[in-house]
Structures are given as structure tokens and as C-alpha cells.
């Protein structure tokens, strides 16, 4: 019977191929996450209009390979002054995104609307968005701090 002998370097290299390197704790991608967060669109906030309200938005992305029914999921701001609940039966396709706009419009597969007509949701001076599931557990959060573009990638 022949014995195979590996040098320490070869053994380490062989183990590196077999054993994955662990990332930081909690580094797993959530099934749903925020993408672009535009809290302060360019231009003056006033006079308020549907177009200006709809220029303020946050994107929710499904990171999985399966559709997710968002019934009962909610998005809210830091002070919980504004809460958006996805409509019953709303489904976000696999690896698809929906843009949640502050103003009003017709909800589609790619755009949802908070329905605000006389107030913005996100504070220009900084705010936080939180996404919770139907059980109330936090799925993802993103904090906006003022930047010249008015936009953050979460």
C-alpha cells in the first residue's frame, strides 16, 4: 500500500479549496433588500406636485431565485410617521425590483405608490427606511445622510 505525503503548504492549499472562507457574521444577503434610496431629489421641494413627490423613492429588490408575495410587508421611515403596506397579493418576481414612490400612480410590477399628495416621506436632512415582513421582523434597513446627489445606494 502506498502512502501519499503532502507538504504543509500543499495540505493548506488543498484545504483552502475544500473549505469556504467564512465572511463576517450577518453578511448573508437578505431575501429582500433596499437598493437606490432617493430622499432628496434635485430641485426645490415646493410647490409640491405629483412629479416631485414621485421623484422621491426607495427601491426594494428580491435577491432570491423565487417570487416573494409581499402581502403584509411594510416600509416605514425613521419616526414611523409614514408607513407603506404592500397590497394584498402583491408579488415581486425572482431577482426583480419595485420602486416605491412617495406620490400617487397606478401600482405595477415595477412601481408602487405611497399615495401622498401633500407631504414628502423622507427627510432631506437624513432619514432611515426599514422593511419588515408580515410577522413584523426586520428584513432590511438603510439610512440616508445628506449628500449632494440626494441619493444613496443601500
Protein backbone atom coordinates (compact mmCIF):
# COMPACT_ATOMS: atom_id res chain seq x y z
CA UNK A 1 0.00 0.00 0.00
CA UNK A 2 1.44 3.38 -1.00
CA UNK A 3 1.25 6.39 1.27
CA UNK A 4 0.68 9.86 -0.04
CA UNK A 5 2.66 12.53 1.72
CA UNK A 6 1.79 16.22 1.34
CA UNK A 7 3.93 19.12 2.33
CA UNK A 8 2.39 21.57 4.80
CA UNK A 9 1.94 24.13 2.00
CA UNK A 10 0.23 21.59 -0.27
CA UNK A 11 -2.07 20.43 2.55
CA UNK A 12 -3.02 24.03 3.34
CA UNK A 13 -3.72 24.71 -0.34
CA UNK A 14 -5.86 21.56 -0.60
CA UNK A 15 -7.91 22.58 2.45
CA UNK A 16 -8.38 26.10 1.11
CA UNK A 17 -10.03 24.65 -1.97
CA UNK A 18 -12.36 22.42 0.06
CA UNK A 19 -13.27 24.71 2.96
CA UNK A 20 -15.01 28.01 2.20
CA UNK A 21 -13.79 31.09 4.00
CA UNK A 22 -16.45 32.45 6.32
CA UNK A 23 -17.44 36.10 5.91
CA UNK A 24 -18.39 38.48 8.69
CA UNK A 25 -21.31 37.43 10.88
CA UNK A 26 -24.64 38.52 9.41
CA UNK A 27 -23.12 39.06 5.95
CA UNK A 28 -25.72 36.89 4.21
CA UNK A 29 -27.78 38.76 1.64
CA UNK A 30 -31.36 39.23 2.83
CA UNK A 31 -34.11 37.87 0.54
CA UNK A 32 -35.37 41.43 0.09
CA UNK A 33 -33.19 44.49 0.32
CA UNK A 34 -33.24 48.17 -0.40
CA UNK A 35 -31.41 49.46 -3.46
CA UNK A 36 -31.43 53.09 -4.55
CA UNK A 37 -32.76 55.50 -1.89
CA UNK A 38 -33.56 58.96 -3.26
CA UNK A 39 -34.59 61.04 -0.25
CA UNK A 40 -33.82 64.49 -1.69
CA UNK A 41 -34.42 64.77 -5.44
CA UNK A 42 -32.82 67.69 -7.30
CA UNK A 43 -34.72 70.98 -7.36
CA UNK A 44 -37.00 72.79 -4.98
CA UNK A 45 -39.48 70.77 -2.93
CA UNK A 46 -42.12 73.48 -3.36
CA UNK A 47 -44.50 73.94 -4.96
CA UNK A 48 -45.36 70.30 -4.40
CA UNK A 49 -46.52 68.22 -7.37
CA UNK A 50 -47.11 64.56 -8.19
CA UNK A 51 -43.96 64.55 -10.33
CA UNK A 52 -41.86 65.96 -7.48
CA UNK A 53 -43.36 63.52 -4.96
CA UNK A 54 -42.71 60.60 -7.31
CA UNK A 55 -39.08 61.66 -7.77
CA UNK A 56 -38.61 60.70 -4.10
CA UNK A 57 -38.39 56.90 -3.84
CA UNK A 58 -36.75 53.77 -2.50
CA UNK A 59 -36.18 50.55 -4.43
CA UNK A 60 -36.93 47.11 -2.96
CA UNK A 61 -35.14 44.19 -4.64
CA UNK A 62 -35.86 40.46 -4.42
CA UNK A 63 -32.40 38.85 -4.23
CA UNK A 64 -33.70 35.27 -4.49
CA UNK A 65 -34.42 32.93 -7.38
CA UNK A 66 -38.11 32.68 -6.44
CA UNK A 67 -41.01 35.12 -6.39
CA UNK A 68 -41.97 36.54 -2.98
CA UNK A 69 -45.54 37.52 -2.05
CA UNK A 70 -45.25 40.85 -0.19
CA UNK A 71 -48.68 40.79 1.44
CA UNK A 72 -48.17 42.14 4.97
CA UNK A 73 -44.69 43.57 4.28
CA UNK A 74 -44.24 47.21 5.27
CA UNK A 75 -41.77 50.03 4.71
CA UNK A 76 -41.54 52.88 7.20
CA UNK A 77 -39.43 55.96 7.91
CA UNK A 78 -37.27 56.61 10.99
CA UNK A 79 -40.02 58.21 13.04
CA UNK A 80 -42.67 55.75 11.84
CA UNK A 81 -44.68 58.77 10.80
CA UNK A 82 -45.15 57.21 7.36
CA UNK A 83 -45.83 53.51 6.76
CA UNK A 84 -46.45 51.82 3.43
CA UNK A 85 -48.08 48.36 3.33
CA UNK A 86 -47.77 46.34 0.14
CA UNK A 87 -51.22 45.48 -1.23
CA UNK A 88 -52.70 42.02 -0.76
CA UNK A 89 -51.32 39.56 -3.28
CA UNK A 90 -48.51 41.84 -4.50
CA UNK A 91 -45.74 39.55 -5.77
CA UNK A 92 -42.18 40.57 -6.51
CA UNK A 93 -40.62 38.29 -9.11
CA UNK A 94 -37.31 36.50 -8.70
CA UNK A 95 -34.38 38.93 -8.91
CA UNK A 96 -36.80 41.78 -9.70
CA UNK A 97 -37.15 45.22 -8.13
CA UNK A 98 -40.04 47.54 -7.36
CA UNK A 99 -39.63 51.29 -6.94
CA UNK A 100 -41.73 52.60 -4.05
CA UNK A 101 -42.57 56.21 -4.92
CA UNK A 102 -43.88 58.81 -2.47
CA UNK A 103 -46.63 60.24 -4.69
CA UNK A 104 -49.50 58.59 -6.48
CA UNK A 105 -49.95 56.50 -9.58
CA UNK A 106 -51.05 53.04 -10.70
CA UNK A 107 -49.20 50.22 -8.95
CA UNK A 108 -47.47 47.86 -11.39
CA UNK A 109 -44.85 45.11 -11.23
CA UNK A 110 -42.10 47.78 -11.23
CA UNK A 111 -43.66 50.78 -9.42
CA UNK A 112 -45.68 51.09 -6.22
CA UNK A 113 -47.04 54.33 -4.78
CA UNK A 114 -47.30 55.59 -1.22
CA UNK A 115 -50.21 57.79 -2.32
CA UNK A 116 -49.01 61.01 -0.69
CA UNK A 117 -50.42 64.22 -2.17
CA UNK A 118 -49.27 66.94 0.22
CA UNK A 119 -46.24 65.64 2.10
CA UNK A 120 -42.90 64.02 1.43
CA UNK A 121 -41.98 60.80 3.26
CA UNK A 122 -38.20 61.10 3.51
CA UNK A 123 -36.42 63.94 5.32
CA UNK A 124 -33.83 65.81 3.24
CA UNK A 125 -31.68 66.20 6.36
CA UNK A 126 -31.43 62.44 6.89
CA UNK A 127 -33.79 59.54 7.43
CA UNK A 128 -33.91 55.77 7.68
CA UNK A 129 -36.00 53.24 5.81
CA UNK A 130 -36.96 49.92 7.37
CA UNK A 131 -38.57 46.93 5.65
CA UNK A 132 -40.42 44.44 7.84
CA UNK A 133 -42.13 41.18 6.91
CA UNK A 134 -45.71 40.15 7.70
CA UNK A 135 -44.62 38.89 11.17
CA UNK A 136 -43.06 42.28 11.98
CA UNK A 137 -39.44 41.07 11.76
CA UNK A 138 -36.93 43.46 10.24
CA UNK A 139 -35.80 42.29 6.80
CA UNK A 140 -33.56 45.22 5.81
CA UNK A 141 -32.80 48.83 6.73
CA UNK A 142 -30.98 51.71 5.10
CA UNK A 143 -30.01 55.12 6.48
CA UNK A 144 -29.81 58.21 4.28
CA UNK A 145 -27.44 61.01 5.26
CA UNK A 146 -27.48 64.22 3.22
CA UNK A 147 -25.33 64.13 0.09
CA UNK A 148 -25.26 66.48 -2.90
CA UNK A 149 -26.90 63.89 -5.17
CA UNK A 150 -29.77 63.34 -2.71
CA UNK A 151 -29.40 59.63 -3.40
CA UNK A 152 -27.84 56.69 -1.58
CA UNK A 153 -27.14 53.15 -2.71
CA UNK A 154 -28.17 50.90 0.17
